[in-house]
């Protein structure tokens, strides 16, 4: 019996040590799981964009963020676009072509740590870079619409809570990065070890702009319940569009631009 107890105690020690080692591994490597920082930076010449120019946005520490900017035509607003977690913002040039073709202005950029912008990728820097982008754009005049996709729903909501914009569009938003991580790594103490948590459900409560939320019921990355909850918490939620055939990557093809464009027109 004593041998069995020693064996069980030894096994328990091994399991505890192994679990702690796994926690340490995920803690050290967590940003490699959270962000996909590699990818091609497209040139404007590879697109059909006509009014767009390359810009550099300076942050408080002097870092330069690569961005594309196009002024609006007539009295249309400018869309400040907050990209997702993968590659460079420039890979979504088809969206910017649609913005420009419809007469809207836009500003899109890479946060520090992504392909176009050198620096360290942290939540603190993403939020600072997002405020810097808004502050770069605001003096140009006109109304600003914030559009955050996936990861971008974090900084877009944060900027909306800190600055005065005309409207906020959230595409596949999360309640928080913790809520998303717990779905895949619920066996880890995610809320305790996660560095970049992006608490959208807290920031959205301070947003005074009208809000549009679009989400897909088939989204495997960010469950649709996140979008519903964010809209529910928004003080001025206007439109909740749930696409029954939408996943994490096809909302654009399924018409979110047309839905969001109608919302923007009515809100600005």
C-alpha atoms as a PDB file:
ATOM      1  CA  UNK A   1       0.000   0.000   0.000  1.00  0.00           C
ATOM      2  CA  UNK A   2       2.805   2.397   0.865  1.00  0.00           C
ATOM      3  CA  UNK A   3       4.401   1.782  -2.527  1.00  0.00           C
ATOM      4  CA  UNK A   4       1.116   2.565  -4.239  1.00  0.00           C
ATOM      5  CA  UNK A   5       0.822   5.835  -2.293  1.00  0.00           C
ATOM      6  CA  UNK A   6       4.394   6.784  -3.203  1.00  0.00           C
ATOM      7  CA  UNK A   7       3.652   5.972  -6.825  1.00  0.00           C
ATOM      8  CA  UNK A   8       0.469   8.067  -6.828  1.00  0.00           C
ATOM      9  CA  UNK A   9       2.246  10.954  -5.112  1.00  0.00           C
ATOM     10  CA  UNK A  10       5.022  10.790  -7.684  1.00  0.00           C
ATOM     11  CA  UNK A  11       2.519  10.738 -10.522  1.00  0.00           C
ATOM     12  CA  UNK A  12       0.732  13.763  -9.041  1.00  0.00           C
ATOM     13  CA  UNK A  13       4.018  15.657  -8.855  1.00  0.00           C
ATOM     14  CA  UNK A  14       4.803  14.823 -12.488  1.00  0.00           C
ATOM     15  CA  UNK A  15       1.348  15.945 -13.615  1.00  0.00           C
ATOM     16  CA  UNK A  16       1.560  19.208 -11.662  1.00  0.00           C
ATOM     17  CA  UNK A  17       5.056  19.956 -12.937  1.00  0.00           C
ATOM     18  CA  UNK A  18       3.965  19.109 -16.481  1.00  0.00           C
ATOM     19  CA  UNK A  19       0.905  21.352 -16.236  1.00  0.00           C
ATOM     20  CA  UNK A  20       2.968  24.234 -14.897  1.00  0.00           C
ATOM     21  CA  UNK A  21       5.458  23.721 -17.739  1.00  0.00           C
ATOM     22  CA  UNK A  22       2.629  23.859 -20.302  1.00  0.00           C
ATOM     23  CA  UNK A  23       1.308  27.053 -18.709  1.00  0.00           C
ATOM     24  CA  UNK A  24       4.802  28.564 -18.858  1.00  0.00           C
ATOM     25  CA  UNK A  25       5.142  27.585 -22.527  1.00  0.00           C
ATOM     26  CA  UNK A  26       1.824  29.193 -23.477  1.00  0.00           C
ATOM     27  CA  UNK A  27       2.615  32.276 -21.418  1.00  0.00           C
ATOM     28  CA  UNK A  28       5.944  32.784 -23.197  1.00  0.00           C
ATOM     29  CA  UNK A  29       4.628  31.993 -26.694  1.00  0.00           C
ATOM     30  CA  UNK A  30       1.113  33.410 -26.365  1.00  0.00           C
ATOM     31  CA  UNK A  31       1.505  36.215 -28.902  1.00  0.00           C
ATOM     32  CA  UNK A  32       2.616  33.684 -31.502  1.00  0.00           C
ATOM     33  CA  UNK A  33      -0.751  31.973 -31.016  1.00  0.00           C
ATOM     34  CA  UNK A  34      -2.729  35.215 -30.849  1.00  0.00           C
ATOM     35  CA  UNK A  35      -1.275  37.006 -33.902  1.00  0.00           C
ATOM     36  CA  UNK A  36      -0.143  35.964 -37.377  1.00  0.00           C
ATOM     37  CA  UNK A  37       2.517  38.586 -38.087  1.00  0.00           C
ATOM     38  CA  UNK A  38       3.875  37.382 -41.421  1.00  0.00           C
ATOM     39  CA  UNK A  39       2.655  38.279 -44.882  1.00  0.00           C
ATOM     40  CA  UNK A  40       3.173  40.234 -48.062  1.00  0.00           C
ATOM     41  CA  UNK A  41       2.863  44.010 -48.108  1.00  0.00           C
ATOM     42  CA  UNK A  42       1.067  44.835 -51.358  1.00  0.00           C
ATOM     43  CA  UNK A  43       1.895  47.919 -53.384  1.00  0.00           C
ATOM     44  CA  UNK A  44      -0.864  50.306 -54.412  1.00  0.00           C
ATOM     45  CA  UNK A  45       0.220  49.681 -58.005  1.00  0.00           C
ATOM     46  CA  UNK A  46      -1.012  46.082 -57.606  1.00  0.00           C
ATOM     47  CA  UNK A  47      -4.546  47.356 -57.016  1.00  0.00           C
ATOM     48  CA  UNK A  48      -7.072  49.513 -58.894  1.00  0.00           C
ATOM     49  CA  UNK A  49      -6.874  52.297 -56.299  1.00  0.00           C
ATOM     50  CA  UNK A  50      -6.653  55.771 -57.854  1.00  0.00           C
ATOM     51  CA  UNK A  51      -6.869  58.387 -55.082  1.00  0.00           C
ATOM     52  CA  UNK A  52      -4.855  56.432 -52.533  1.00  0.00           C
ATOM     53  CA  UNK A  53      -1.378  57.283 -51.313  1.00  0.00           C
ATOM     54  CA  UNK A  54       1.126  55.668 -48.971  1.00  0.00           C
ATOM     55  CA  UNK A  55       1.420  57.494 -45.647  1.00  0.00           C
ATOM     56  CA  UNK A  56       3.479  57.181 -42.494  1.00  0.00           C
ATOM     57  CA  UNK A  57       1.725  57.750 -39.179  1.00  0.00           C
ATOM     58  CA  UNK A  58       3.954  58.796 -36.313  1.00  0.00           C
ATOM     59  CA  UNK A  59       3.293  57.443 -32.833  1.00  0.00           C
ATOM     60  CA  UNK A  60       4.273  59.064 -29.542  1.00  0.00           C
ATOM     61  CA  UNK A  61       7.557  57.135 -29.399  1.00  0.00           C
ATOM     62  CA  UNK A  62       8.484  58.160 -32.936  1.00  0.00           C
ATOM     63  CA  UNK A  63       7.611  54.877 -34.610  1.00  0.00           C
ATOM     64  CA  UNK A  64       6.292  55.034 -38.162  1.00  0.00           C
ATOM     65  CA  UNK A  65       3.170  53.086 -39.089  1.00  0.00           C
ATOM     66  CA  UNK A  66       2.693  52.162 -42.736  1.00  0.00           C
ATOM     67  CA  UNK A  67      -0.721  53.192 -43.999  1.00  0.00           C
ATOM     68  CA  UNK A  68      -2.799  53.900 -47.084  1.00  0.00           C
ATOM     69  CA  UNK A  69      -4.954  57.000 -47.206  1.00  0.00           C
ATOM     70  CA  UNK A  70      -7.530  58.223 -49.711  1.00  0.00           C
ATOM     71  CA  UNK A  71      -9.548  61.414 -49.201  1.00  0.00           C
ATOM     72  CA  UNK A  72     -13.316  61.224 -49.664  1.00  0.00           C
ATOM     73  CA  UNK A  73     -15.227  62.802 -52.495  1.00  0.00           C
ATOM     74  CA  UNK A  74     -18.028  65.312 -51.875  1.00  0.00           C
ATOM     75  CA  UNK A  75     -19.167  65.236 -48.252  1.00  0.00           C
ATOM     76  CA  UNK A  76     -18.835  61.509 -47.631  1.00  0.00           C
ATOM     77  CA  UNK A  77     -17.046  60.338 -44.471  1.00  0.00           C
ATOM     78  CA  UNK A  78     -13.655  58.681 -44.178  1.00  0.00           C
ATOM     79  CA  UNK A  79     -13.498  55.082 -42.922  1.00  0.00           C
ATOM     80  CA  UNK A  80     -10.725  54.429 -40.425  1.00  0.00           C
ATOM     81  CA  UNK A  81     -10.186  50.695 -40.869  1.00  0.00           C
ATOM     82  CA  UNK A  82      -8.779  48.483 -38.101  1.00  0.00           C
ATOM     83  CA  UNK A  83      -7.558  45.228 -39.577  1.00  0.00           C
ATOM     84  CA  UNK A  84      -7.574  41.717 -38.125  1.00  0.00           C
ATOM     85  CA  UNK A  85      -4.772  39.563 -36.762  1.00  0.00           C
ATOM     86  CA  UNK A  86      -3.285  38.199 -39.998  1.00  0.00           C
ATOM     87  CA  UNK A  87      -0.624  39.569 -42.333  1.00  0.00           C
ATOM     88  CA  UNK A  88      -0.597  43.155 -43.565  1.00  0.00           C
ATOM     89  CA  UNK A  89      -3.625  45.416 -43.846  1.00  0.00           C
ATOM     90  CA  UNK A  90      -2.786  45.728 -47.567  1.00  0.00           C
ATOM     91  CA  UNK A  91      -3.976  42.179 -48.264  1.00  0.00           C
ATOM     92  CA  UNK A  92      -7.550  43.465 -47.904  1.00  0.00           C
ATOM     93  CA  UNK A  93      -7.140  45.913 -50.775  1.00  0.00           C
ATOM     94  CA  UNK A  94     -10.416  44.753 -52.381  1.00  0.00           C
ATOM     95  CA  UNK A  95     -12.258  46.428 -49.514  1.00  0.00           C
ATOM     96  CA  UNK A  96     -10.363  49.653 -49.985  1.00  0.00           C
ATOM     97  CA  UNK A  97     -11.099  49.567 -53.713  1.00  0.00           C
ATOM     98  CA  UNK A  98     -14.805  49.368 -52.855  1.00  0.00           C
ATOM     99  CA  UNK A  99     -14.548  52.249 -50.357  1.00  0.00           C
ATOM    100  CA  UNK A 100     -12.743  54.430 -52.879  1.00  0.00           C
ATOM    101  CA  UNK A 101     -15.049  53.526 -55.778  1.00  0.00           C
ATOM    102  CA  UNK A 102     -18.074  54.538 -53.686  1.00  0.00           C
ATOM    103  CA  UNK A 103     -16.498  57.918 -52.937  1.00  0.00           C
ATOM    104  CA  UNK A 104     -15.596  57.235 -49.324  1.00  0.00           C
ATOM    105  CA  UNK A 105     -12.226  58.136 -47.918  1.00  0.00           C
ATOM    106  CA  UNK A 106     -10.301  55.560 -45.942  1.00  0.00           C
ATOM    107  CA  UNK A 107      -7.235  55.123 -43.790  1.00  0.00           C
ATOM    108  CA  UNK A 108      -5.852  51.645 -43.144  1.00  0.00           C
ATOM    109  CA  UNK A 109      -2.557  50.773 -41.494  1.00  0.00           C
ATOM    110  CA  UNK A 110      -0.423  48.113 -39.833  1.00  0.00           C
ATOM    111  CA  UNK A 111      -0.052  48.141 -36.058  1.00  0.00           C
ATOM    112  CA  UNK A 112       3.504  47.919 -34.790  1.00  0.00           C
ATOM    113  CA  UNK A 113       4.803  44.377 -35.140  1.00  0.00           C
ATOM    114  CA  UNK A 114       2.893  43.609 -38.352  1.00  0.00           C
ATOM    115  CA  UNK A 115       4.625  43.473 -41.760  1.00  0.00           C
ATOM    116  CA  UNK A 116       4.503  47.163 -42.674  1.00  0.00           C
ATOM    117  CA  UNK A 117       5.295  48.673 -39.278  1.00  0.00           C
ATOM    118  CA  UNK A 118       8.352  47.764 -37.198  1.00  0.00           C
ATOM    119  CA  UNK A 119       8.132  47.534 -33.441  1.00  0.00           C
ATOM    120  CA  UNK A 120       6.817  45.386 -30.623  1.00  0.00           C
ATOM    121  CA  UNK A 121       3.327  43.931 -30.924  1.00  0.00           C
ATOM    122  CA  UNK A 122       1.434  44.398 -27.655  1.00  0.00           C
ATOM    123  CA  UNK A 123      -2.079  45.452 -26.760  1.00  0.00           C
ATOM    124  CA  UNK A 124      -0.710  48.700 -25.365  1.00  0.00           C
ATOM    125  CA  UNK A 125       1.002  49.497 -28.668  1.00  0.00           C
ATOM    126  CA  UNK A 126      -2.008  48.460 -30.771  1.00  0.00           C
ATOM    127  CA  UNK A 127      -4.232  50.844 -28.815  1.00  0.00           C
ATOM    128  CA  UNK A 128      -1.665  53.652 -28.939  1.00  0.00           C
ATOM    129  CA  UNK A 129      -1.198  53.139 -32.680  1.00  0.00           C
ATOM    130  CA  UNK A 130      -4.952  53.231 -33.205  1.00  0.00           C
ATOM    131  CA  UNK A 131      -5.306  56.531 -31.357  1.00  0.00           C
ATOM    132  CA  UNK A 132      -2.359  57.891 -33.347  1.00  0.00           C
ATOM    133  CA  UNK A 133      -4.123  56.934 -36.591  1.00  0.00           C
ATOM    134  CA  UNK A 134      -7.315  58.715 -35.521  1.00  0.00           C
ATOM    135  CA  UNK A 135      -5.371  61.799 -34.425  1.00  0.00           C
ATOM    136  CA  UNK A 136      -3.490  61.810 -37.756  1.00  0.00           C
ATOM    137  CA  UNK A 137      -6.759  61.640 -39.684  1.00  0.00           C
ATOM    138  CA  UNK A 138      -8.910  64.051 -37.685  1.00  0.00           C
ATOM    139  CA  UNK A 139      -7.206  67.327 -38.770  1.00  0.00           C
ATOM    140  CA  UNK A 140      -8.039  66.519 -42.388  1.00  0.00           C
ATOM    141  CA  UNK A 141     -11.649  67.342 -41.564  1.00  0.00           C
ATOM    142  CA  UNK A 142     -14.891  65.586 -42.307  1.00  0.00           C
ATOM    143  CA  UNK A 143     -16.637  62.779 -40.493  1.00  0.00           C
ATOM    144  CA  UNK A 144     -14.786  59.646 -39.427  1.00  0.00           C
ATOM    145  CA  UNK A 145     -16.381  56.195 -39.330  1.00  0.00           C
ATOM    146  CA  UNK A 146     -14.503  53.521 -37.363  1.00  0.00           C
ATOM    147  CA  UNK A 147     -14.574  49.994 -38.823  1.00  0.00           C
ATOM    148  CA  UNK A 148     -13.040  47.149 -36.818  1.00  0.00           C
ATOM    149  CA  UNK A 149     -12.818  43.612 -38.109  1.00  0.00           C
ATOM    150  CA  UNK A 150     -12.151  40.656 -35.765  1.00  0.00           C
ATOM    151  CA  UNK A 151      -9.057  41.658 -33.743  1.00  0.00           C
ATOM    152  CA  UNK A 152      -9.675  45.181 -35.032  1.00  0.00           C
ATOM    153  CA  UNK A 153     -12.955  45.296 -33.105  1.00  0.00           C
ATOM    154  CA  UNK A 154     -10.796  45.791 -30.007  1.00  0.00           C
ATOM    155  CA  UNK A 155      -8.918  48.949 -31.003  1.00  0.00           C
ATOM    156  CA  UNK A 156     -11.907  50.294 -32.966  1.00  0.00           C
ATOM    157  CA  UNK A 157     -14.121  50.106 -29.872  1.00  0.00           C
ATOM    158  CA  UNK A 158     -11.367  51.525 -27.684  1.00  0.00           C
ATOM    159  CA  UNK A 159     -10.888  54.510 -30.024  1.00  0.00           C
ATOM    160  CA  UNK A 160     -14.656  55.062 -30.116  1.00  0.00           C
ATOM    161  CA  UNK A 161     -14.647  55.216 -26.310  1.00  0.00           C
ATOM    162  CA  UNK A 162     -11.778  57.745 -26.286  1.00  0.00           C
ATOM    163  CA  UNK A 163     -12.497  59.940 -29.339  1.00  0.00           C
ATOM    164  CA  UNK A 164     -15.509  61.446 -31.081  1.00  0.00           C
ATOM    165  CA  UNK A 165     -16.299  59.631 -34.329  1.00  0.00           C
ATOM    166  CA  UNK A 166     -19.443  59.622 -36.448  1.00  0.00           C
ATOM    167  CA  UNK A 167     -20.187  55.887 -36.208  1.00  0.00           C
ATOM    168  CA  UNK A 168     -18.710  52.499 -35.291  1.00  0.00           C
ATOM    169  CA  UNK A 169     -18.893  49.390 -37.482  1.00  0.00           C
ATOM    170  CA  UNK A 170     -17.864  46.095 -35.885  1.00  0.00           C
ATOM    171  CA  UNK A 171     -17.366  43.012 -38.051  1.00  0.00           C
ATOM    172  CA  UNK A 172     -17.114  39.681 -36.210  1.00  0.00           C
ATOM    173  CA  UNK A 173     -16.295  41.345 -32.886  1.00  0.00           C
ATOM    174  CA  UNK A 174     -15.373  39.560 -29.670  1.00  0.00           C
ATOM    175  CA  UNK A 175     -16.468  40.301 -26.109  1.00  0.00           C
ATOM    176  CA  UNK A 176     -12.807  40.039 -25.193  1.00  0.00           C
ATOM    177  CA  UNK A 177      -9.764  38.172 -26.421  1.00  0.00           C
ATOM    178  CA  UNK A 178     -10.012  36.102 -23.234  1.00  0.00           C
ATOM    179  CA  UNK A 179     -13.482  34.883 -24.227  1.00  0.00           C
ATOM    180  CA  UNK A 180     -12.108  33.713 -27.583  1.00  0.00           C
ATOM    181  CA  UNK A 181      -9.028  32.041 -26.085  1.00  0.00           C
ATOM    182  CA  UNK A 182     -11.033  30.220 -23.435  1.00  0.00           C
ATOM    183  CA  UNK A 183     -12.993  28.488 -26.193  1.00  0.00           C
ATOM    184  CA  UNK A 184      -9.811  26.754 -27.403  1.00  0.00           C
ATOM    185  CA  UNK A 185      -7.705  26.744 -24.239  1.00  0.00           C
ATOM    186  CA  UNK A 186     -10.280  26.511 -21.476  1.00  0.00           C
ATOM    187  CA  UNK A 187      -8.094  24.030 -19.627  1.00  0.00           C
ATOM    188  CA  UNK A 188      -5.573  26.853 -19.060  1.00  0.00           C
ATOM    189  CA  UNK A 189      -6.021  29.771 -16.599  1.00  0.00           C
ATOM    190  CA  UNK A 190      -6.406  32.085 -19.602  1.00  0.00           C
ATOM    191  CA  UNK A 191      -7.678  35.135 -17.745  1.00  0.00           C
ATOM    192  CA  UNK A 192      -4.660  35.006 -15.418  1.00  0.00           C
ATOM    193  CA  UNK A 193      -1.884  34.552 -17.973  1.00  0.00           C
ATOM    194  CA  UNK A 194      -3.183  36.369 -21.066  1.00  0.00           C
ATOM    195  CA  UNK A 195      -1.333  39.633 -21.661  1.00  0.00           C
ATOM    196  CA  UNK A 196      -3.399  41.166 -24.489  1.00  0.00           C
ATOM    197  CA  UNK A 197      -7.029  40.836 -23.392  1.00  0.00           C
ATOM    198  CA  UNK A 198      -8.852  43.604 -25.335  1.00  0.00           C
ATOM    199  CA  UNK A 199     -11.925  43.975 -23.061  1.00  0.00           C
ATOM    200  CA  UNK A 200     -14.410  45.116 -25.709  1.00  0.00           C
ATOM    201  CA  UNK A 201     -17.353  44.370 -23.412  1.00  0.00           C
ATOM    202  CA  UNK A 202     -16.032  47.041 -21.038  1.00  0.00           C
ATOM    203  CA  UNK A 203     -15.078  49.621 -23.670  1.00  0.00           C
ATOM    204  CA  UNK A 204     -18.362  49.351 -25.599  1.00  0.00           C
ATOM    205  CA  UNK A 205     -20.307  50.626 -22.589  1.00  0.00           C
ATOM    206  CA  UNK A 206     -18.594  54.027 -22.999  1.00  0.00           C
ATOM    207  CA  UNK A 207     -19.206  54.315 -26.749  1.00  0.00           C
ATOM    208  CA  UNK A 208     -21.554  57.167 -27.627  1.00  0.00           C
ATOM    209  CA  UNK A 209     -21.430  56.662 -31.406  1.00  0.00           C
ATOM    210  CA  UNK A 210     -24.169  54.711 -33.235  1.00  0.00           C
ATOM    211  CA  UNK A 211     -23.068  51.081 -33.635  1.00  0.00           C
ATOM    212  CA  UNK A 212     -23.443  48.465 -36.368  1.00  0.00           C
ATOM    213  CA  UNK A 213     -22.524  44.837 -35.604  1.00  0.00           C
ATOM    214  CA  UNK A 214     -22.195  42.172 -38.273  1.00  0.00           C
ATOM    215  CA  UNK A 215     -21.497  38.514 -37.490  1.00  0.00           C
ATOM    216  CA  UNK A 216     -21.927  35.049 -38.994  1.00  0.00           C
ATOM    217  CA  UNK A 217     -23.632  32.144 -37.269  1.00  0.00           C
ATOM    218  CA  UNK A 218     -21.041  29.739 -38.711  1.00  0.00           C
ATOM    219  CA  UNK A 219     -18.011  31.674 -37.434  1.00  0.00           C
ATOM    220  CA  UNK A 220     -15.597  29.051 -36.019  1.00  0.00           C
ATOM    221  CA  UNK A 221     -13.089  31.599 -34.696  1.00  0.00           C
ATOM    222  CA  UNK A 222     -15.332  34.031 -32.784  1.00  0.00           C
ATOM    223  CA  UNK A 223     -18.696  32.609 -31.840  1.00  0.00           C
ATOM    224  CA  UNK A 224     -21.693  34.661 -32.942  1.00  0.00           C
ATOM    225  CA  UNK A 225     -22.750  35.028 -29.300  1.00  0.00           C
ATOM    226  CA  UNK A 226     -19.891  37.516 -28.976  1.00  0.00           C
ATOM    227  CA  UNK A 227     -21.378  39.824 -31.602  1.00  0.00           C
ATOM    228  CA  UNK A 228     -24.833  39.593 -30.069  1.00  0.00           C
ATOM    229  CA  UNK A 229     -23.460  40.454 -26.631  1.00  0.00           C
ATOM    230  CA  UNK A 230     -21.404  43.416 -27.877  1.00  0.00           C
ATOM    231  CA  UNK A 231     -24.468  44.829 -29.617  1.00  0.00           C
ATOM    232  CA  UNK A 232     -26.557  44.294 -26.487  1.00  0.00           C
ATOM    233  CA  UNK A 233     -24.038  46.259 -24.406  1.00  0.00           C
ATOM    234  CA  UNK A 234     -23.717  49.151 -26.862  1.00  0.00           C
ATOM    235  CA  UNK A 235     -25.554  52.218 -25.510  1.00  0.00           C
ATOM    236  CA  UNK A 236     -26.488  53.243 -29.043  1.00  0.00           C
ATOM    237  CA  UNK A 237     -26.754  50.019 -31.004  1.00  0.00           C
ATOM    238  CA  UNK A 238     -28.558  50.668 -34.283  1.00  0.00           C
ATOM    239  CA  UNK A 239     -28.094  47.629 -36.532  1.00  0.00           C
ATOM    240  CA  UNK A 240     -27.377  43.979 -35.722  1.00  0.00           C
ATOM    241  CA  UNK A 241     -26.889  41.947 -38.893  1.00  0.00           C
ATOM    242  CA  UNK A 242     -26.502  38.207 -38.379  1.00  0.00           C
ATOM    243  CA  UNK A 243     -25.677  36.265 -41.544  1.00  0.00           C
ATOM    244  CA  UNK A 244     -27.016  32.674 -41.223  1.00  0.00           C
ATOM    245  CA  UNK A 245     -24.440  31.463 -43.768  1.00  0.00           C
ATOM    246  CA  UNK A 246     -21.598  33.674 -42.594  1.00  0.00           C
ATOM    247  CA  UNK A 247     -18.301  32.445 -41.217  1.00  0.00           C
ATOM    248  CA  UNK A 248     -15.238  34.405 -40.121  1.00  0.00           C
ATOM    249  CA  UNK A 249     -13.996  35.250 -43.604  1.00  0.00           C
ATOM    250  CA  UNK A 250     -16.977  35.549 -45.940  1.00  0.00           C
ATOM    251  CA  UNK A 251     -19.057  38.419 -44.560  1.00  0.00           C
ATOM    252  CA  UNK A 252     -17.640  40.770 -47.171  1.00  0.00           C
ATOM    253  CA  UNK A 253     -18.715  38.433 -49.970  1.00  0.00           C
ATOM    254  CA  UNK A 254     -22.118  38.044 -48.296  1.00  0.00           C
ATOM    255  CA  UNK A 255     -22.878  41.753 -48.367  1.00  0.00           C
ATOM    256  CA  UNK A 256     -21.649  43.375 -45.174  1.00  0.00           C
ATOM    257  CA  UNK A 257     -20.441  46.390 -47.174  1.00  0.00           C
ATOM    258  CA  UNK A 258     -23.933  47.035 -48.502  1.00  0.00           C
ATOM    259  CA  UNK A 259     -25.431  46.641 -45.021  1.00  0.00           C
ATOM    260  CA  UNK A 260     -22.784  48.821 -43.369  1.00  0.00           C
ATOM    261  CA  UNK A 261     -22.975  51.424 -46.119  1.00  0.00           C
ATOM    262  CA  UNK A 262     -26.718  51.880 -45.505  1.00  0.00           C
ATOM    263  CA  UNK A 263     -26.020  52.215 -41.775  1.00  0.00           C
ATOM    264  CA  UNK A 264     -23.252  54.767 -42.385  1.00  0.00           C
ATOM    265  CA  UNK A 265     -25.484  56.806 -44.671  1.00  0.00           C
ATOM    266  CA  UNK A 266     -28.261  56.930 -42.073  1.00  0.00           C
ATOM    267  CA  UNK A 267     -25.896  57.635 -39.167  1.00  0.00           C
ATOM    268  CA  UNK A 268     -23.739  60.358 -40.681  1.00  0.00           C
END
